[in-house]
Amino acid sequence: MLLSLLVLLLVSPRVFGDGCIHGGFDFSTLSPAKGITASTDVGDITLNPCGTMTGDSQFCSFNDAGVQRDCGRIDQWSGEDSLSLTLTGGDFCTPRMGAPRSEYGATIYFRCDSSAGVGTPKPTDAFPASRCTDTQTEFVFEWRTSLVCKGGLSFGGVMLIIILVCTLLYLGCGFGYLWFRKGARGLQAIPNWAFWKALPRLVLDGFLFAFSFGKKLPTGAYSAI
């Protein structure tokens, strides 16, 4: 039983996500290397809040006349009921001859939509009409997705249910086998009763040994070998 729980804890990050959690929401399903592509008036822009896209542009990128441009890196996650992601520090653009250069950036506003699944980011009314303007180099998106909808079970809740089910199966099956096949009665019908009975003392001995830094304990603390 203990071994099965240990294995479960080891494999759980692969089963329940890879740690891309923001604002209490798990974005692990948004972490394919290619990211999620949004179609806009200035061309396709690829986004990935988990930052796992291949190449230098791991969070936001677009194709500019055959050149892959970086349109921002993680700057800040904010909000709870209305989660948003700000990306700054992208490649520089020069809107016109002699104008100062500015950096590309992006802002993504996540909206709960339980019917949208993963969903796709869409440009908002604040989206620039061209990639590089005198006044704005920020791409603004609204992303309707079920990933930011509250409710359902958290990772901890799922783990508790799994542990509870495994415990009930262990006790139920073990008790039934010992009662009906072995004729055990009373406490002897509890699976591995001798082990569970001795466990508190074994744990105490372990703590005493650890806190004594391996030094010899008072006579009688351990049986002679």
Protein backbone atom coordinates (compact mmCIF):
# COMPACT_ATOMS: atom_id res chain seq x y z
CA MET A 1 0.00 0.00 0.00
CA LEU A 2 2.70 2.47 0.99
CA LEU A 3 4.72 1.54 -2.09
CA SER A 4 1.74 2.18 -4.37
CA LEU A 5 1.20 5.62 -2.82
CA LEU A 6 4.88 6.45 -3.32
CA VAL A 7 4.68 5.46 -6.99
CA LEU A 8 1.53 7.54 -7.35
CA LEU A 9 3.24 10.62 -5.94
CA LEU A 10 6.16 10.15 -8.31
CA VAL A 11 4.06 9.84 -11.45
CA SER A 12 1.41 12.40 -10.52
CA PRO A 13 3.21 15.41 -12.07
CA ARG A 14 3.09 13.64 -15.43
CA VAL A 15 -0.54 12.68 -15.00
CA PHE A 16 -1.93 15.95 -13.66
CA GLY A 17 0.30 18.52 -15.30
CA ASP A 18 3.86 19.77 -15.62
CA GLY A 19 3.68 22.72 -13.24
CA CYS A 20 2.45 25.50 -15.61
CA ILE A 21 0.06 26.89 -12.98
CA HIS A 22 -0.87 30.58 -12.76
CA GLY A 23 -3.51 32.27 -10.64
CA GLY A 24 -4.51 28.86 -9.33
CA PHE A 25 -5.29 27.59 -12.85
CA ASP A 26 -3.44 24.80 -14.63
CA PHE A 27 -2.27 25.74 -18.14
CA SER A 28 -0.33 22.53 -18.74
CA THR A 29 -2.47 21.59 -21.75
CA LEU A 30 -1.22 24.76 -23.46
CA SER A 31 2.37 23.56 -23.54
CA PRO A 32 2.93 21.90 -26.91
CA ALA A 33 6.14 23.09 -28.55
CA LYS A 34 4.22 24.80 -31.36
CA GLY A 35 2.02 26.95 -29.11
CA ILE A 36 -1.45 28.25 -30.01
CA THR A 37 -1.85 30.32 -33.19
CA ALA A 38 -4.13 33.37 -33.33
CA SER A 39 -5.21 34.77 -36.69
CA THR A 40 -5.08 38.59 -36.81
CA ASP A 41 -5.18 41.40 -39.40
CA VAL A 42 -1.40 41.65 -39.17
CA GLY A 43 -0.83 37.92 -39.66
CA ASP A 44 -0.68 34.83 -37.50
CA ILE A 45 0.71 35.26 -34.00
CA THR A 46 1.73 32.24 -31.93
CA LEU A 47 1.28 32.33 -28.15
CA ASN A 48 2.20 30.01 -25.34
CA PRO A 49 1.73 31.09 -21.69
CA CYS A 50 3.82 28.09 -20.58
CA GLY A 51 6.84 29.30 -22.53
CA THR A 52 7.73 25.97 -24.13
CA MET A 53 7.78 26.85 -27.81
CA THR A 54 10.95 25.94 -29.66
CA GLY A 55 13.45 28.64 -30.57
CA ASP A 56 14.17 31.99 -28.94
CA SER A 57 10.54 33.18 -28.96
CA GLN A 58 9.12 30.87 -26.31
CA PHE A 59 6.03 32.89 -25.35
CA CYS A 60 4.93 35.02 -28.31
CA SER A 61 6.15 35.15 -31.90
CA PHE A 62 5.08 36.08 -35.42
CA ASN A 63 6.48 35.95 -38.94
CA ASP A 64 7.64 39.29 -40.31
CA ALA A 65 8.54 38.98 -44.01
CA GLY A 66 10.16 35.61 -43.42
CA VAL A 67 11.81 36.61 -40.15
CA GLN A 68 10.52 35.17 -36.88
CA ARG A 69 9.99 37.98 -34.40
CA ASP A 70 9.71 37.77 -30.61
CA CYS A 71 6.69 39.76 -29.41
CA GLY A 72 7.30 39.51 -25.70
CA ARG A 73 8.30 37.42 -22.72
CA ILE A 74 6.59 36.84 -19.38
CA ASP A 75 6.39 40.08 -17.42
CA GLN A 76 3.43 39.70 -15.08
CA TRP A 77 0.44 37.53 -14.33
CA SER A 78 -2.30 39.48 -12.60
CA GLY A 79 -5.87 39.14 -11.41
CA GLU A 80 -7.88 36.30 -9.96
CA ASP A 81 -11.46 36.52 -11.20
CA SER A 82 -10.14 38.05 -14.44
CA LEU A 83 -6.70 36.62 -15.17
CA SER A 84 -4.38 38.46 -17.54
CA LEU A 85 -0.85 37.98 -18.81
CA THR A 86 1.45 40.82 -19.86
CA LEU A 87 4.38 40.13 -22.19
CA THR A 88 7.12 42.70 -22.64
CA GLY A 89 10.69 42.87 -23.91
CA GLY A 90 10.09 41.61 -27.45
CA ASP A 91 12.09 42.50 -30.54
CA PHE A 92 12.46 46.15 -31.48
CA CYS A 93 10.51 47.72 -34.31
CA THR A 94 11.03 51.09 -36.05
CA PRO A 95 7.66 52.52 -37.13
CA ARG A 96 9.11 55.01 -39.63
CA MET A 97 12.38 56.59 -40.63
CA GLY A 98 13.82 58.64 -37.80
CA ALA A 99 11.21 57.52 -35.24
CA PRO A 100 12.40 56.00 -31.96
CA ARG A 101 12.40 52.24 -31.74
CA SER A 102 10.00 50.48 -29.44
CA GLU A 103 9.63 46.91 -28.24
CA TYR A 104 6.89 44.54 -29.22
CA GLY A 105 4.68 43.34 -26.41
CA ALA A 106 1.38 41.58 -25.83
CA THR A 107 -1.42 41.40 -23.29
CA ILE A 108 -3.73 38.40 -23.00
CA TYR A 109 -7.00 38.64 -21.11
CA PHE A 110 -8.33 35.22 -20.15
CA ARG A 111 -12.10 34.77 -19.88
CA CYS A 112 -13.95 31.78 -18.49
CA ASP A 113 -15.98 29.89 -21.09
CA SER A 114 -16.77 26.33 -20.03
CA SER A 115 -17.89 25.39 -23.56
CA ALA A 116 -14.75 26.67 -25.31
CA GLY A 117 -12.34 23.92 -24.25
CA VAL A 118 -8.75 25.16 -24.61
CA GLY A 119 -10.02 27.90 -26.89
CA THR A 120 -8.11 30.27 -29.18
CA PRO A 121 -6.92 33.82 -28.47
CA LYS A 122 -8.74 36.50 -30.49
CA PRO A 123 -7.59 40.07 -31.18
CA THR A 124 -9.58 42.76 -29.34
CA ASP A 125 -10.67 46.22 -30.48
CA ALA A 126 -7.44 47.53 -28.97
CA PHE A 127 -5.38 45.46 -31.41
CA PRO A 128 -3.08 47.64 -33.60
CA ALA A 129 -3.92 48.02 -37.28
CA SER A 130 -0.31 47.27 -38.22
CA ARG A 131 2.59 45.47 -36.60
CA CYS A 132 4.62 48.57 -35.83
CA THR A 133 3.02 51.98 -35.33
CA ASP A 134 4.10 55.30 -33.84
CA THR A 135 1.85 54.85 -30.83
CA GLN A 136 1.45 51.14 -30.20
CA THR A 137 3.43 47.95 -30.58
CA GLU A 138 1.34 45.90 -28.16
CA PHE A 139 -0.85 43.04 -29.37
CA VAL A 140 -3.98 42.70 -27.22
CA PHE A 141 -5.92 39.43 -27.09
CA GLU A 142 -8.96 37.98 -25.39
CA TRP A 143 -8.71 34.25 -24.76
CA ARG A 144 -11.97 32.51 -23.93
CA THR A 145 -11.14 29.13 -22.41
CA SER A 146 -12.41 26.62 -19.88
CA LEU A 147 -8.95 26.52 -18.28
CA VAL A 148 -9.71 29.60 -16.15
CA CYS A 149 -13.16 28.52 -15.00
CA LYS A 150 -13.41 28.00 -11.27
CA GLY A 151 -14.92 24.87 -9.82
CA GLY A 152 -14.07 21.23 -10.24
CA LEU A 153 -11.35 19.39 -8.40
CA SER A 154 -7.91 20.77 -7.73
CA PHE A 155 -4.78 18.64 -7.93
CA GLY A 156 -4.86 18.18 -4.14
CA GLY A 157 -8.50 17.11 -4.28
CA VAL A 158 -7.78 14.53 -6.97
CA MET A 159 -4.87 13.16 -4.95
CA LEU A 160 -7.00 12.87 -1.82
CA ILE A 161 -9.70 10.97 -3.70
CA ILE A 162 -7.15 8.58 -5.21
CA ILE A 163 -5.54 7.94 -1.82
CA LEU A 164 -8.96 7.39 -0.21
CA VAL A 165 -10.06 4.95 -2.93
CA CYS A 166 -6.78 3.02 -2.71
CA THR A 167 -7.10 2.83 1.08
CA LEU A 168 -10.68 1.56 0.92
CA LEU A 169 -9.75 -1.05 -1.69
CA TYR A 170 -6.79 -2.17 0.42
CA LEU A 171 -8.89 -2.50 3.57
CA GLY A 172 -11.97 -3.95 1.89
CA CYS A 173 -10.23 -6.57 -0.22
CA GLY A 174 -7.77 -7.50 2.51
CA PHE A 175 -10.48 -7.79 5.16
CA GLY A 176 -12.68 -9.90 2.89
CA TYR A 177 -9.85 -12.25 2.01
CA LEU A 178 -8.75 -12.76 5.62
CA TRP A 179 -12.31 -13.12 6.95
CA PHE A 180 -13.72 -15.52 4.36
CA ARG A 181 -10.61 -17.40 3.16
CA LYS A 182 -8.43 -17.46 6.26
CA GLY A 183 -11.12 -17.43 8.95
CA ALA A 184 -9.54 -14.48 10.73
CA ARG A 185 -11.65 -12.65 13.30
CA GLY A 186 -11.37 -9.40 15.23
CA LEU A 187 -8.23 -7.32 14.77
CA GLN A 188 -6.56 -10.23 13.00
CA ALA A 189 -8.89 -9.59 10.04
CA ILE A 190 -7.26 -6.21 9.43
CA PRO A 191 -4.77 -6.55 6.54
CA ASN A 192 -1.15 -6.63 7.77
CA TRP A 193 -2.31 -6.06 11.34
CA ALA A 194 1.06 -6.96 12.85
CA PHE A 195 2.77 -4.29 10.71
CA TRP A 196 0.26 -1.53 11.54
CA LYS A 197 0.38 -2.44 15.22
CA ALA A 198 4.17 -2.10 15.26
CA LEU A 199 4.29 0.99 13.01
CA PRO A 200 4.01 3.69 15.75
CA ARG A 201 6.91 2.16 17.64
CA LEU A 202 8.96 1.83 14.47
CA VAL A 203 8.35 5.49 13.62
CA LEU A 204 9.29 6.55 17.15
CA ASP A 205 12.50 4.51 16.97
CA GLY A 206 13.32 6.15 13.66
CA PHE A 207 12.90 9.65 15.10
CA LEU A 208 14.96 8.78 18.19
CA PHE A 209 17.75 7.42 16.03
CA ALA A 210 17.68 10.46 13.71
CA PHE A 211 17.66 13.02 16.52
CA SER A 212 20.50 11.23 18.30
CA PHE A 213 22.59 11.55 15.10
CA GLY A 214 23.22 7.83 15.10
CA LYS A 215 24.64 7.75 18.60
CA LYS A 216 23.99 4.87 20.92
CA LEU A 217 20.69 5.17 22.75
CA PRO A 218 19.99 4.10 26.32
CA THR A 219 20.25 0.40 26.99
CA GLY A 220 17.19 -1.51 25.89
CA ALA A 221 16.14 0.97 23.18
CA TYR A 222 17.06 -1.54 20.51
CA SER A 223 17.36 -5.29 20.43
CA ALA A 224 20.90 -6.61 20.14
CA ILE A 225 21.85 -8.09 16.77
